[in-house]
Structures are given as structure tokens and as C-alpha cells.
Amino acid sequence: METKREAKLLRIFISNTDKFRYSPLYEVIVFAAKRYGMAGATVLKGVMGYGTSSKVRSMKFWEVTEKMPLVIEIIDEAQKVENFAETIMPYFDKLKTGCVMTIEKANILLYKTGKKH
């Protein structure tokens, strides 16, 4: 991907306990993004949040909570992001919990590849 170029950011809000078949949904999505050739994907773990259920989940140092919010961010060229979002839409068909998916404009300021170790 070239630098200083308009791209799109796909952002998916789910829970760490969400599954696709028997695998964590966030892993399924990241590996799908890799296979699809997306420029990058990151899973961010939330320390506090609530979603469609309106139940607040938080992680405090004295608590161990099982269910926590996650955000998956995937960035690439606009058309590629939109196509990928359509490709993964069936992953959410049987999901029993709430989720949110957004696509936003992004401007790539720097895209520097690293060396493989």
C-alpha cells in the first residue's frame, strides 16, 4: 500500500467470548484478513465497555472477568475493505450476542514494512 493515500478502516466491536463454530471469532476474522491479503489487522482488548445488552463489563485488578469487549481494526484500500466486510458478514449470522461493524475513511501517512525475523 502506498503512503499518503486514502484508505478505509474496518472496525468490529465484539466480545472475547464470541465464537465462530468452535474458534474465537476474533481469531477467525484476523486469519481471514491475512488470507484475503489485507494490509493489517489488530485486535484491541477493552478494559471497560458495554454494548447492545447495556451490561457494563470492566476489568479491575481485583476482578477476573471472563467476558470483555474487543475491537478488531483492519485497514487497507477502500474497495478492498468494503469487499472484505461483505466476505465476513456470514460469520455474524449465527452470533447470539450483539456486535457493531463500522467502516471509516482513513488517510495513510506512513506504511513501512518491517523485516521478517
C-alpha atoms as a PDB file:
ATOM      1  CA  MET A   1       0.000   0.000   0.000  1.00  0.00           C
ATOM      2  CA  GLU A   2       1.338   3.436  -0.889  1.00  0.00           C
ATOM      3  CA  THR A   3       1.774   6.156   1.726  1.00  0.00           C
ATOM      4  CA  LYS A   4      -0.301   9.362   1.827  1.00  0.00           C
ATOM      5  CA  ARG A   5      -3.239   7.588   0.272  1.00  0.00           C
ATOM      6  CA  GLU A   6      -6.896   7.411   1.183  1.00  0.00           C
ATOM      7  CA  ALA A   7      -7.901   4.109   2.681  1.00  0.00           C
ATOM      8  CA  LYS A   8     -10.674   2.731   4.852  1.00  0.00           C
ATOM      9  CA  LEU A   9     -10.681   1.340   8.355  1.00  0.00           C
ATOM     10  CA  LEU A  10     -12.977  -1.546   9.228  1.00  0.00           C
ATOM     11  CA  ARG A  11     -13.732  -1.599  12.940  1.00  0.00           C
ATOM     12  CA  ILE A  12     -15.575  -4.534  14.526  1.00  0.00           C
ATOM     13  CA  PHE A  13     -16.810  -4.430  18.125  1.00  0.00           C
ATOM     14  CA  ILE A  14     -17.351  -7.903  19.610  1.00  0.00           C
ATOM     15  CA  SER A  15     -16.699  -9.846  22.806  1.00  0.00           C
ATOM     16  CA  ASN A  16     -13.739 -12.091  23.551  1.00  0.00           C
ATOM     17  CA  THR A  17     -16.210 -14.932  24.174  1.00  0.00           C
ATOM     18  CA  ASP A  18     -17.846 -14.735  20.717  1.00  0.00           C
ATOM     19  CA  LYS A  19     -17.261 -17.871  18.655  1.00  0.00           C
ATOM     20  CA  PHE A  20     -17.445 -18.901  15.026  1.00  0.00           C
ATOM     21  CA  ARG A  21     -18.054 -22.614  15.087  1.00  0.00           C
ATOM     22  CA  TYR A  22     -15.577 -23.637  17.814  1.00  0.00           C
ATOM     23  CA  SER A  23     -12.928 -20.922  17.370  1.00  0.00           C
ATOM     24  CA  PRO A  24     -12.758 -17.423  18.848  1.00  0.00           C
ATOM     25  CA  LEU A  25     -14.406 -15.062  16.362  1.00  0.00           C
ATOM     26  CA  TYR A  26     -11.584 -12.512  16.614  1.00  0.00           C
ATOM     27  CA  GLU A  27      -9.030 -15.159  15.539  1.00  0.00           C
ATOM     28  CA  VAL A  28     -11.214 -16.294  12.651  1.00  0.00           C
ATOM     29  CA  ILE A  29     -11.533 -12.701  11.406  1.00  0.00           C
ATOM     30  CA  VAL A  30      -7.811 -11.897  11.701  1.00  0.00           C
ATOM     31  CA  PHE A  31      -6.767 -15.096   9.906  1.00  0.00           C
ATOM     32  CA  ALA A  32      -9.397 -14.398   7.210  1.00  0.00           C
ATOM     33  CA  ALA A  33      -7.942 -10.889   6.776  1.00  0.00           C
ATOM     34  CA  LYS A  34      -4.461 -12.394   6.395  1.00  0.00           C
ATOM     35  CA  ARG A  35      -5.682 -14.900   3.778  1.00  0.00           C
ATOM     36  CA  TYR A  36      -7.559 -12.112   1.967  1.00  0.00           C
ATOM     37  CA  GLY A  37      -4.314 -10.118   1.746  1.00  0.00           C
ATOM     38  CA  MET A  38      -5.430  -7.188   3.877  1.00  0.00           C
ATOM     39  CA  ALA A  39      -2.681  -4.689   4.747  1.00  0.00           C
ATOM     40  CA  GLY A  40      -3.057  -5.162   8.503  1.00  0.00           C
ATOM     41  CA  ALA A  41      -5.303  -6.232  11.352  1.00  0.00           C
ATOM     42  CA  THR A  42      -5.131  -5.589  15.094  1.00  0.00           C
ATOM     43  CA  VAL A  43      -7.256  -6.870  17.981  1.00  0.00           C
ATOM     44  CA  LEU A  44      -7.609  -4.435  20.876  1.00  0.00           C
ATOM     45  CA  LYS A  45      -8.783  -5.632  24.279  1.00  0.00           C
ATOM     46  CA  GLY A  46     -11.111  -3.259  26.085  1.00  0.00           C
ATOM     47  CA  VAL A  47     -10.744  -2.667  29.810  1.00  0.00           C
ATOM     48  CA  MET A  48     -14.298  -1.416  30.160  1.00  0.00           C
ATOM     49  CA  GLY A  49     -17.352  -1.129  27.959  1.00  0.00           C
ATOM     50  CA  TYR A  50     -20.933  -2.025  27.189  1.00  0.00           C
ATOM     51  CA  GLY A  51     -22.795  -2.905  24.055  1.00  0.00           C
ATOM     52  CA  THR A  52     -26.289  -3.746  22.903  1.00  0.00           C
ATOM     53  CA  SER A  53     -27.041  -5.603  26.148  1.00  0.00           C
ATOM     54  CA  SER A  54     -26.234  -2.417  28.139  1.00  0.00           C
ATOM     55  CA  LYS A  55     -24.391  -4.530  30.714  1.00  0.00           C
ATOM     56  CA  VAL A  56     -21.166  -2.782  31.725  1.00  0.00           C
ATOM     57  CA  ARG A  57     -18.113  -5.034  31.726  1.00  0.00           C
ATOM     58  CA  SER A  58     -14.888  -3.940  33.341  1.00  0.00           C
ATOM     59  CA  MET A  59     -11.560  -5.412  34.279  1.00  0.00           C
ATOM     60  CA  LYS A  60     -10.131  -4.248  37.566  1.00  0.00           C
ATOM     61  CA  PHE A  61      -7.015  -5.555  39.221  1.00  0.00           C
ATOM     62  CA  TRP A  62      -9.058  -7.311  41.926  1.00  0.00           C
ATOM     63  CA  GLU A  63     -11.538  -8.867  39.490  1.00  0.00           C
ATOM     64  CA  VAL A  64     -11.210 -11.614  36.952  1.00  0.00           C
ATOM     65  CA  THR A  65     -13.833 -11.157  34.275  1.00  0.00           C
ATOM     66  CA  GLU A  66     -14.480 -13.705  31.609  1.00  0.00           C
ATOM     67  CA  LYS A  67     -16.315 -11.563  29.066  1.00  0.00           C
ATOM     68  CA  MET A  68     -14.539  -8.426  27.827  1.00  0.00           C
ATOM     69  CA  PRO A  69     -15.027  -6.121  24.838  1.00  0.00           C
ATOM     70  CA  LEU A  70     -12.721  -6.427  21.825  1.00  0.00           C
ATOM     71  CA  VAL A  71     -12.213  -4.163  18.839  1.00  0.00           C
ATOM     72  CA  ILE A  72     -10.767  -5.550  15.624  1.00  0.00           C
ATOM     73  CA  GLU A  73      -9.278  -2.922  13.308  1.00  0.00           C
ATOM     74  CA  ILE A  74      -8.435  -3.713   9.697  1.00  0.00           C
ATOM     75  CA  ILE A  75      -7.082  -1.138   7.276  1.00  0.00           C
ATOM     76  CA  ASP A  76      -6.474  -1.220   3.535  1.00  0.00           C
ATOM     77  CA  GLU A  77      -7.564   0.356   0.260  1.00  0.00           C
ATOM     78  CA  ALA A  78     -11.226   1.416   0.313  1.00  0.00           C
ATOM     79  CA  GLN A  79     -12.624  -1.153  -2.126  1.00  0.00           C
ATOM     80  CA  LYS A  80     -10.651  -3.993  -0.556  1.00  0.00           C
ATOM     81  CA  VAL A  81     -12.017  -3.166   2.921  1.00  0.00           C
ATOM     82  CA  GLU A  82     -15.588  -2.989   1.638  1.00  0.00           C
ATOM     83  CA  ASN A  83     -15.233  -6.323  -0.172  1.00  0.00           C
ATOM     84  CA  PHE A  84     -13.690  -7.968   2.886  1.00  0.00           C
ATOM     85  CA  ALA A  85     -16.520  -6.691   5.106  1.00  0.00           C
ATOM     86  CA  GLU A  86     -19.037  -8.366   2.780  1.00  0.00           C
ATOM     87  CA  THR A  87     -16.975 -11.565   2.801  1.00  0.00           C
ATOM     88  CA  ILE A  88     -17.011 -11.880   6.603  1.00  0.00           C
ATOM     89  CA  MET A  89     -20.655 -10.850   7.082  1.00  0.00           C
ATOM     90  CA  PRO A  90     -21.813 -14.524   7.218  1.00  0.00           C
ATOM     91  CA  TYR A  91     -19.561 -15.033  10.282  1.00  0.00           C
ATOM     92  CA  PHE A  92     -22.073 -12.961  12.246  1.00  0.00           C
ATOM     93  CA  ASP A  93     -25.271 -14.722  11.076  1.00  0.00           C
ATOM     94  CA  LYS A  94     -25.454 -17.177  13.982  1.00  0.00           C
ATOM     95  CA  LEU A  95     -23.838 -14.920  16.580  1.00  0.00           C
ATOM     96  CA  LYS A  96     -26.180 -14.784  19.579  1.00  0.00           C
ATOM     97  CA  THR A  97     -24.668 -11.657  21.105  1.00  0.00           C
ATOM     98  CA  GLY A  98     -24.653  -8.101  19.828  1.00  0.00           C
ATOM     99  CA  CYS A  99     -21.888  -6.569  17.742  1.00  0.00           C
ATOM    100  CA  VAL A 100     -21.173  -3.458  15.699  1.00  0.00           C
ATOM    101  CA  MET A 101     -19.210  -3.076  12.473  1.00  0.00           C
ATOM    102  CA  THR A 102     -18.173   0.304  11.049  1.00  0.00           C
ATOM    103  CA  ILE A 103     -16.186   1.495   8.054  1.00  0.00           C
ATOM    104  CA  GLU A 104     -14.451   4.860   8.246  1.00  0.00           C
ATOM    105  CA  LYS A 105     -12.252   6.899   5.943  1.00  0.00           C
ATOM    106  CA  ALA A 106      -8.567   6.826   6.846  1.00  0.00           C
ATOM    107  CA  ASN A 107      -5.522   8.577   5.454  1.00  0.00           C
ATOM    108  CA  ILE A 108      -2.334   6.528   5.414  1.00  0.00           C
ATOM    109  CA  LEU A 109       0.529   8.771   6.481  1.00  0.00           C
ATOM    110  CA  LEU A 110       3.140   6.028   6.684  1.00  0.00           C
ATOM    111  CA  TYR A 111       3.123   2.345   5.769  1.00  0.00           C
ATOM    112  CA  LYS A 112       6.562   0.955   6.387  1.00  0.00           C
ATOM    113  CA  THR A 113       7.168  -2.758   6.108  1.00  0.00           C
ATOM    114  CA  GLY A 114       9.416  -4.448   8.617  1.00  0.00           C
ATOM    115  CA  LYS A 115      11.975  -7.167   8.138  1.00  0.00           C
ATOM    116  CA  LYS A 116      10.946 -10.736   8.799  1.00  0.00           C
ATOM    117  CA  HIS A 117      12.861 -12.432  11.589  1.00  0.00           C
END
